[in-house]
Amino acid sequence: MAAQGSTRTIVIALVANLGIAVAKFVAAAITGSSAMLTEGVHSLVDSTNQLLLIYGTRRSRKPPDALHPFGYGRELYFWSFIVAILVFALGAGVSVYEGILHILDPEPAFSPMIAFAVLGIAFALEGWSTLAALRDFNAKRQGTIWQEVRDTKDAATLVILLENSGALVGLVVAAIGLALSLLTGNPMWDGLASVLIGLVLGVLAVVLLYEAKGLLIGEAADPELVAQIRSCADGHDNIVAVHDVKTVHSSPTMVTAIISADFVDTISAREVEQTVRAIEQQVAQSFPIVARVYVRPRDPADH
C-alpha cells in the first residue's frame, strides 16, 4: 500500500509539472521574464526527475535473481540520488546562471499579467501535488517533520515533497521579483529572484543528496521495530539472550534482519533448528516489512 501511494504521488507530480512547464515557457516567451524562464526550467527538471523516480520504482520491484539475490530494492535509492544531483546541477545551477545574466544585462518584462496568471495556476497545481505528497509523508510520520525527513526510508515521497516545497517557494519569489520589477521599473529584481530561487533549490538538493546517500549505503530500520524484533526472539524458551539485532533497508518496504542469539547449551541441534525456524516465522508474520530474517547462534564468550 505504501508503494502504491508513492507511485500515485509521483504520477500526480509528473502531470502537474508537465502542465506547469508548458505554461511557464509560453509565459516567459511572451513576457521576457528571467524568473519565469527559470521556473520553466525548474518544472521541466522536476518532470524529468519524476520519470526517473517512476523508472526506479519499477526497477526496485524486480524479484531476486542469481546476480542480485537480495533483489533490486536499492535501485530506487540510486535513482533518488541521481534526481538530487539533477536538482542541484540543472535546477539550482541554471537558475543562478540565468539570474546573473539577467542582472548583468536586464531586460524589461512584457505582459506581466500573463506571468502573474501563470504563476497563480502553477501555484494551484504545485499545491495539489504537494498535498498528495504531504499526505503520504504524514501517514508514516511519528515525530516532527524534520525528524521524519531524517528518518524516512521512502526516498521517492521525500524527493517529491522537497521538490514541490522548493517549487512553491520559487513561485512566490518569482512573483515578488516580477512585482518589484514593475513597481520600481528596474528589471534587476527579476534576475535577483532567479538567483534566490537557485539558492533555495541548492539547499534542498544538498538535503536530498545527504539523505539519498545514507539510504544508498544502507540504513537500519526504525529503532522501535528493532526493539520489537529483539523482544520477539528473546521470548522463546530456548534463547538465553539476544546479543545483536542488525537490520538494513533494501527498499522503503523491505527490511533484512540478522539476529545473533545465545541458545540453551543443553538442547539438541534439532531443537536449535526448530527454534530458529519458529523465530523466523514469528518475525515474518508479525512484521510484514521484514522480508528476510536470519538467526545466528552465538557463544556469549564471543560477544
Protein backbone atom coordinates (compact mmCIF):
# COMPACT_ATOMS: atom_id res chain seq x y z
CA MET A 1 0.00 0.00 0.00
CA ALA A 2 2.88 2.38 0.82
CA ALA A 3 4.49 1.68 -2.54
CA GLN A 4 1.19 2.29 -4.35
CA GLY A 5 0.79 5.58 -2.50
CA SER A 6 4.27 6.72 -3.50
CA THR A 7 3.70 5.83 -7.15
CA ARG A 8 0.40 7.71 -7.21
CA THR A 9 2.12 10.74 -5.69
CA ILE A 10 4.87 10.65 -8.33
CA VAL A 11 2.33 10.43 -11.18
CA ILE A 12 0.36 13.37 -9.76
CA ALA A 13 3.56 15.42 -9.53
CA LEU A 14 4.54 14.46 -13.10
CA VAL A 15 1.18 15.52 -14.58
CA ALA A 16 1.23 18.79 -12.65
CA ASN A 17 4.79 19.68 -13.60
CA LEU A 18 4.37 18.93 -17.30
CA GLY A 19 1.41 21.29 -17.49
CA ILE A 20 3.20 23.92 -15.42
CA ALA A 21 6.38 23.74 -17.54
CA VAL A 22 4.48 24.35 -20.77
CA ALA A 23 2.60 27.31 -19.27
CA LYS A 24 5.76 28.85 -17.84
CA PHE A 25 7.75 28.61 -21.07
CA VAL A 26 4.89 30.18 -23.02
CA ALA A 27 4.63 32.97 -20.45
CA ALA A 28 8.42 33.50 -20.48
CA ALA A 29 8.40 33.83 -24.26
CA ILE A 30 5.61 36.43 -24.09
CA THR A 31 6.82 38.43 -21.07
CA GLY A 32 10.60 38.09 -21.36
CA SER A 33 10.74 37.32 -17.63
CA SER A 34 14.00 35.72 -16.45
CA ALA A 35 12.41 34.35 -13.30
CA MET A 36 9.60 32.85 -15.39
CA LEU A 37 12.11 31.16 -17.70
CA THR A 38 13.95 29.85 -14.64
CA GLU A 39 10.71 28.49 -13.23
CA GLY A 40 10.01 26.78 -16.57
CA VAL A 41 13.39 25.06 -16.47
CA HIS A 42 12.73 24.10 -12.85
CA SER A 43 9.40 22.46 -13.75
CA LEU A 44 10.97 20.66 -16.71
CA VAL A 45 13.74 19.30 -14.49
CA ASP A 46 11.13 18.20 -11.95
CA SER A 47 9.20 16.36 -14.69
CA THR A 48 12.36 14.52 -15.75
CA ASN A 49 13.05 13.67 -12.12
CA GLN A 50 9.62 12.15 -11.68
CA LEU A 51 10.10 9.97 -14.76
CA LEU A 52 13.37 8.74 -13.23
CA LEU A 53 11.61 8.00 -9.93
CA ILE A 54 8.89 6.04 -11.73
CA TYR A 55 11.60 4.06 -13.53
CA GLY A 56 13.45 3.47 -10.27
CA THR A 57 10.27 2.37 -8.51
CA ARG A 58 9.52 -0.19 -11.23
CA ARG A 59 13.10 -1.49 -11.20
CA SER A 60 13.09 -1.80 -7.41
CA ARG A 61 10.19 -4.28 -7.61
CA LYS A 62 12.08 -6.81 -9.73
CA PRO A 63 12.35 -10.17 -7.98
CA PRO A 64 15.73 -11.50 -6.81
CA ASP A 65 17.85 -13.41 -9.28
CA ALA A 66 21.24 -15.16 -9.32
CA LEU A 67 23.12 -11.89 -9.86
CA HIS A 68 21.14 -9.93 -7.25
CA PRO A 69 20.00 -12.48 -4.64
CA PHE A 70 18.66 -9.75 -2.33
CA GLY A 71 16.61 -8.11 -5.05
CA TYR A 72 16.73 -4.70 -6.71
CA GLY A 73 15.16 -2.61 -3.94
CA ARG A 74 18.05 -0.14 -3.71
CA GLU A 75 17.61 0.89 -7.33
CA LEU A 76 15.03 3.38 -6.03
CA TYR A 77 17.65 4.90 -3.74
CA PHE A 78 20.14 5.11 -6.61
CA TRP A 79 17.72 6.99 -8.86
CA SER A 80 16.74 9.24 -5.96
CA PHE A 81 20.43 10.15 -5.66
CA ILE A 82 20.57 10.91 -9.39
CA VAL A 83 17.48 13.10 -9.05
CA ALA A 84 19.14 15.06 -6.24
CA ILE A 85 22.17 15.66 -8.48
CA LEU A 86 19.91 16.91 -11.28
CA VAL A 87 18.09 19.27 -8.92
CA PHE A 88 21.44 20.71 -7.85
CA ALA A 89 23.11 20.87 -11.27
CA LEU A 90 20.19 21.75 -13.55
CA GLY A 91 17.59 23.25 -11.25
CA ALA A 92 19.83 25.31 -8.96
CA GLY A 93 22.70 25.82 -11.42
CA VAL A 94 20.60 27.04 -14.33
CA SER A 95 18.53 29.29 -12.04
CA VAL A 96 21.60 31.06 -10.63
CA TYR A 97 23.24 31.32 -14.05
CA GLU A 98 20.14 32.75 -15.72
CA GLY A 99 19.59 35.17 -12.85
CA ILE A 100 23.16 36.51 -13.00
CA LEU A 101 22.87 37.03 -16.76
CA HIS A 102 19.64 38.96 -16.26
CA ILE A 103 21.21 41.11 -13.53
CA LEU A 104 24.18 41.95 -15.75
CA ASP A 105 22.00 42.60 -18.80
CA PRO A 106 18.46 43.33 -17.55
CA GLU A 107 15.53 43.25 -19.94
CA PRO A 108 12.14 44.77 -19.15
CA ALA A 109 9.25 42.29 -18.82
CA PHE A 110 6.24 42.47 -21.12
CA SER A 111 2.61 41.41 -20.45
CA PRO A 112 3.16 40.97 -16.69
CA MET A 113 -0.46 39.99 -16.10
CA ILE A 114 0.11 36.83 -18.15
CA ALA A 115 3.08 36.00 -15.95
CA PHE A 116 1.06 36.51 -12.75
CA ALA A 117 -1.78 34.39 -14.12
CA VAL A 118 0.61 31.55 -14.95
CA LEU A 119 2.22 31.82 -11.51
CA GLY A 120 -1.21 31.54 -9.91
CA ILE A 121 -2.13 28.46 -11.95
CA ALA A 122 1.27 26.90 -11.24
CA PHE A 123 0.88 27.55 -7.52
CA ALA A 124 -2.50 25.79 -7.51
CA LEU A 125 -1.14 22.75 -9.37
CA GLU A 126 2.01 22.58 -7.25
CA GLY A 127 -0.15 22.87 -4.15
CA TRP A 128 -2.29 19.93 -5.31
CA SER A 129 0.83 17.82 -5.87
CA THR A 130 2.38 18.92 -2.57
CA LEU A 131 -0.74 17.99 -0.60
CA ALA A 132 -0.67 14.49 -2.13
CA ALA A 133 3.00 14.08 -1.17
CA LEU A 134 2.40 15.51 2.31
CA ARG A 135 -0.49 13.09 2.85
CA ASP A 136 1.79 10.10 2.10
CA PHE A 137 4.58 11.64 4.17
CA ASN A 138 2.37 12.26 7.23
CA ALA A 139 0.86 8.76 7.03
CA LYS A 140 4.23 7.38 8.19
CA ARG A 141 5.37 10.32 10.33
CA GLN A 142 5.83 9.67 14.04
CA GLY A 143 7.74 12.78 15.15
CA THR A 144 8.31 16.26 13.78
CA ILE A 145 8.56 16.92 10.05
CA TRP A 146 12.33 17.40 10.30
CA GLN A 147 12.72 14.13 12.23
CA GLU A 148 10.74 12.30 9.55
CA VAL A 149 12.89 13.89 6.82
CA ARG A 150 15.94 12.46 8.59
CA ASP A 151 14.39 9.05 9.38
CA THR A 152 12.17 8.24 6.39
CA LYS A 153 13.13 5.40 4.08
CA ASP A 154 10.60 6.42 1.42
CA ALA A 155 13.02 8.30 -0.81
CA ALA A 156 10.51 8.89 -3.61
CA THR A 157 7.96 10.66 -1.42
CA LEU A 158 10.72 12.72 0.23
CA VAL A 159 12.04 13.84 -3.16
CA ILE A 160 8.57 14.87 -4.35
CA LEU A 161 7.78 16.70 -1.11
CA LEU A 162 11.04 18.68 -1.04
CA GLU A 163 10.92 19.40 -4.78
CA ASN A 164 7.37 20.69 -4.54
CA SER A 165 8.16 22.73 -1.43
CA GLY A 166 11.03 24.34 -3.33
CA ALA A 167 8.73 24.95 -6.28
CA LEU A 168 6.15 26.71 -4.12
CA VAL A 169 8.82 28.92 -2.57
CA GLY A 170 10.22 29.60 -6.05
CA LEU A 171 6.82 30.67 -7.37
CA VAL A 172 6.38 33.13 -4.51
CA VAL A 173 9.89 34.52 -5.05
CA ALA A 174 9.29 34.81 -8.81
CA ALA A 175 6.05 36.73 -8.19
CA ILE A 176 7.77 39.09 -5.75
CA GLY A 177 10.65 39.66 -8.18
CA LEU A 178 8.30 40.40 -11.05
CA ALA A 179 6.20 42.72 -8.87
CA LEU A 180 9.26 44.67 -7.69
CA SER A 181 10.46 44.98 -11.29
CA LEU A 182 7.12 46.53 -12.26
CA LEU A 183 6.91 48.83 -9.23
CA THR A 184 10.48 50.13 -9.45
CA GLY A 185 10.89 49.95 -13.20
CA ASN A 186 14.15 48.05 -12.58
CA PRO A 187 14.23 44.55 -14.17
CA MET A 188 17.21 43.69 -11.99
CA TRP A 189 14.77 42.43 -9.34
CA ASP A 190 13.58 39.73 -11.75
CA GLY A 191 17.14 38.46 -12.15
CA LEU A 192 17.72 38.57 -8.40
CA ALA A 193 14.59 36.45 -7.93
CA SER A 194 16.12 33.81 -10.24
CA VAL A 195 19.28 33.74 -8.14
CA LEU A 196 17.28 33.33 -4.93
CA ILE A 197 15.25 30.52 -6.50
CA GLY A 198 18.51 28.79 -7.42
CA LEU A 199 19.83 29.13 -3.86
CA VAL A 200 16.63 27.62 -2.44
CA LEU A 201 16.89 24.69 -4.85
CA GLY A 202 20.56 24.28 -3.98
CA VAL A 203 19.81 23.93 -0.27
CA LEU A 204 17.03 21.40 -0.92
CA ALA A 205 19.28 19.46 -3.31
CA VAL A 206 22.01 19.19 -0.65
CA VAL A 207 19.45 17.80 1.83
CA LEU A 208 18.26 15.29 -0.78
CA LEU A 209 21.83 14.26 -1.61
CA TYR A 210 22.63 13.67 2.05
CA GLU A 211 19.53 11.61 2.72
CA ALA A 212 19.75 9.63 -0.55
CA LYS A 213 23.39 8.82 0.12
CA GLY A 214 22.55 7.38 3.55
CA LEU A 215 19.80 5.19 2.10
CA LEU A 216 22.02 4.04 -0.76
CA ILE A 217 24.78 2.98 1.63
CA GLY A 218 22.25 1.21 3.84
CA GLU A 219 20.31 2.48 6.87
CA ALA A 220 18.97 0.50 9.80
CA ALA A 221 15.27 0.05 10.42
CA ASP A 222 13.35 2.17 12.90
CA PRO A 223 14.68 1.60 16.48
CA GLU A 224 11.18 0.67 17.65
CA LEU A 225 10.99 -2.10 15.04
CA VAL A 226 14.46 -3.34 16.05
CA ALA A 227 13.36 -3.47 19.69
CA GLN A 228 10.22 -5.40 18.78
CA ILE A 229 12.23 -7.95 16.76
CA ARG A 230 14.58 -8.35 19.74
CA SER A 231 11.64 -8.95 22.09
CA CYS A 232 10.14 -11.44 19.66
CA ALA A 233 13.35 -13.51 19.59
CA ASP A 234 14.04 -13.11 23.30
CA GLY A 235 10.63 -14.54 24.18
CA HIS A 236 11.49 -18.10 23.11
CA ASP A 237 12.28 -20.63 25.84
CA ASN A 238 15.46 -21.94 24.20
CA ILE A 239 17.00 -18.45 23.94
CA VAL A 240 19.25 -17.36 26.81
CA ALA A 241 19.95 -13.88 25.47
CA VAL A 242 19.74 -11.89 22.25
CA HIS A 243 23.06 -10.14 21.63
CA ASP A 244 22.57 -8.23 18.37
CA VAL A 245 19.73 -7.36 16.03
CA LYS A 246 21.14 -5.83 12.86
CA THR A 247 18.78 -4.52 10.20
CA VAL A 248 19.09 -2.79 6.85
CA HIS A 249 16.54 -1.32 4.45
CA SER A 250 16.74 -2.74 0.93
CA SER A 251 13.78 -0.58 -0.10
CA PRO A 252 11.15 1.51 1.72
CA THR A 253 9.05 -1.62 2.27
CA MET A 254 11.75 -4.30 2.63
CA VAL A 255 13.99 -4.91 5.65
CA THR A 256 16.57 -7.64 6.21
CA ALA A 257 17.18 -8.63 9.85
CA ILE A 258 20.07 -10.63 11.33
CA ILE A 259 19.65 -11.86 14.92
CA SER A 260 22.59 -13.09 16.98
CA ALA A 261 21.42 -15.11 20.00
CA ASP A 262 22.77 -17.37 22.72
CA PHE A 263 20.88 -20.70 22.86
CA VAL A 264 20.48 -23.01 25.85
CA ASP A 265 23.58 -25.23 25.84
CA THR A 266 21.76 -28.46 26.68
CA ILE A 267 19.33 -28.52 23.73
CA SER A 268 19.97 -30.62 20.63
CA ALA A 269 20.85 -29.39 17.17
CA ARG A 270 17.36 -30.35 16.10
CA GLU A 271 15.85 -28.10 18.79
CA VAL A 272 18.12 -25.26 17.70
CA GLU A 273 16.83 -25.64 14.14
CA GLN A 274 13.22 -25.66 15.34
CA THR A 275 13.77 -22.54 17.45
CA VAL A 276 15.43 -20.72 14.56
CA ARG A 277 12.52 -21.60 12.27
CA ALA A 278 9.98 -20.51 14.92
CA ILE A 279 11.71 -17.13 15.37
CA GLU A 280 11.93 -16.53 11.62
CA GLN A 281 8.26 -17.39 11.13
CA GLN A 282 7.08 -15.24 14.06
CA VAL A 283 9.11 -12.20 12.95
CA ALA A 284 7.94 -12.55 9.35
CA GLN A 285 4.27 -12.85 10.40
CA SER A 286 4.41 -10.05 12.99
CA PHE A 287 6.32 -7.56 10.82
CA PRO A 288 5.49 -7.88 7.09
CA ILE A 289 8.11 -5.24 6.24
CA VAL A 290 10.82 -7.72 7.34
CA ALA A 291 11.33 -9.68 4.13
CA ARG A 292 14.30 -11.77 5.32
CA VAL A 293 15.26 -12.98 8.80
CA TYR A 294 18.50 -14.76 9.67
CA VAL A 295 19.12 -16.17 13.16
CA ARG A 296 22.73 -16.81 14.10
CA PRO A 297 23.56 -18.93 17.19
CA ARG A 298 26.37 -17.21 19.08
CA ASP A 299 28.52 -18.16 22.07
CA PRO A 300 28.31 -15.50 24.82
CA ALA A 301 32.12 -15.64 25.12
CA ASP A 302 32.41 -14.30 21.57
CA HIS A 303 30.23 -11.33 22.49
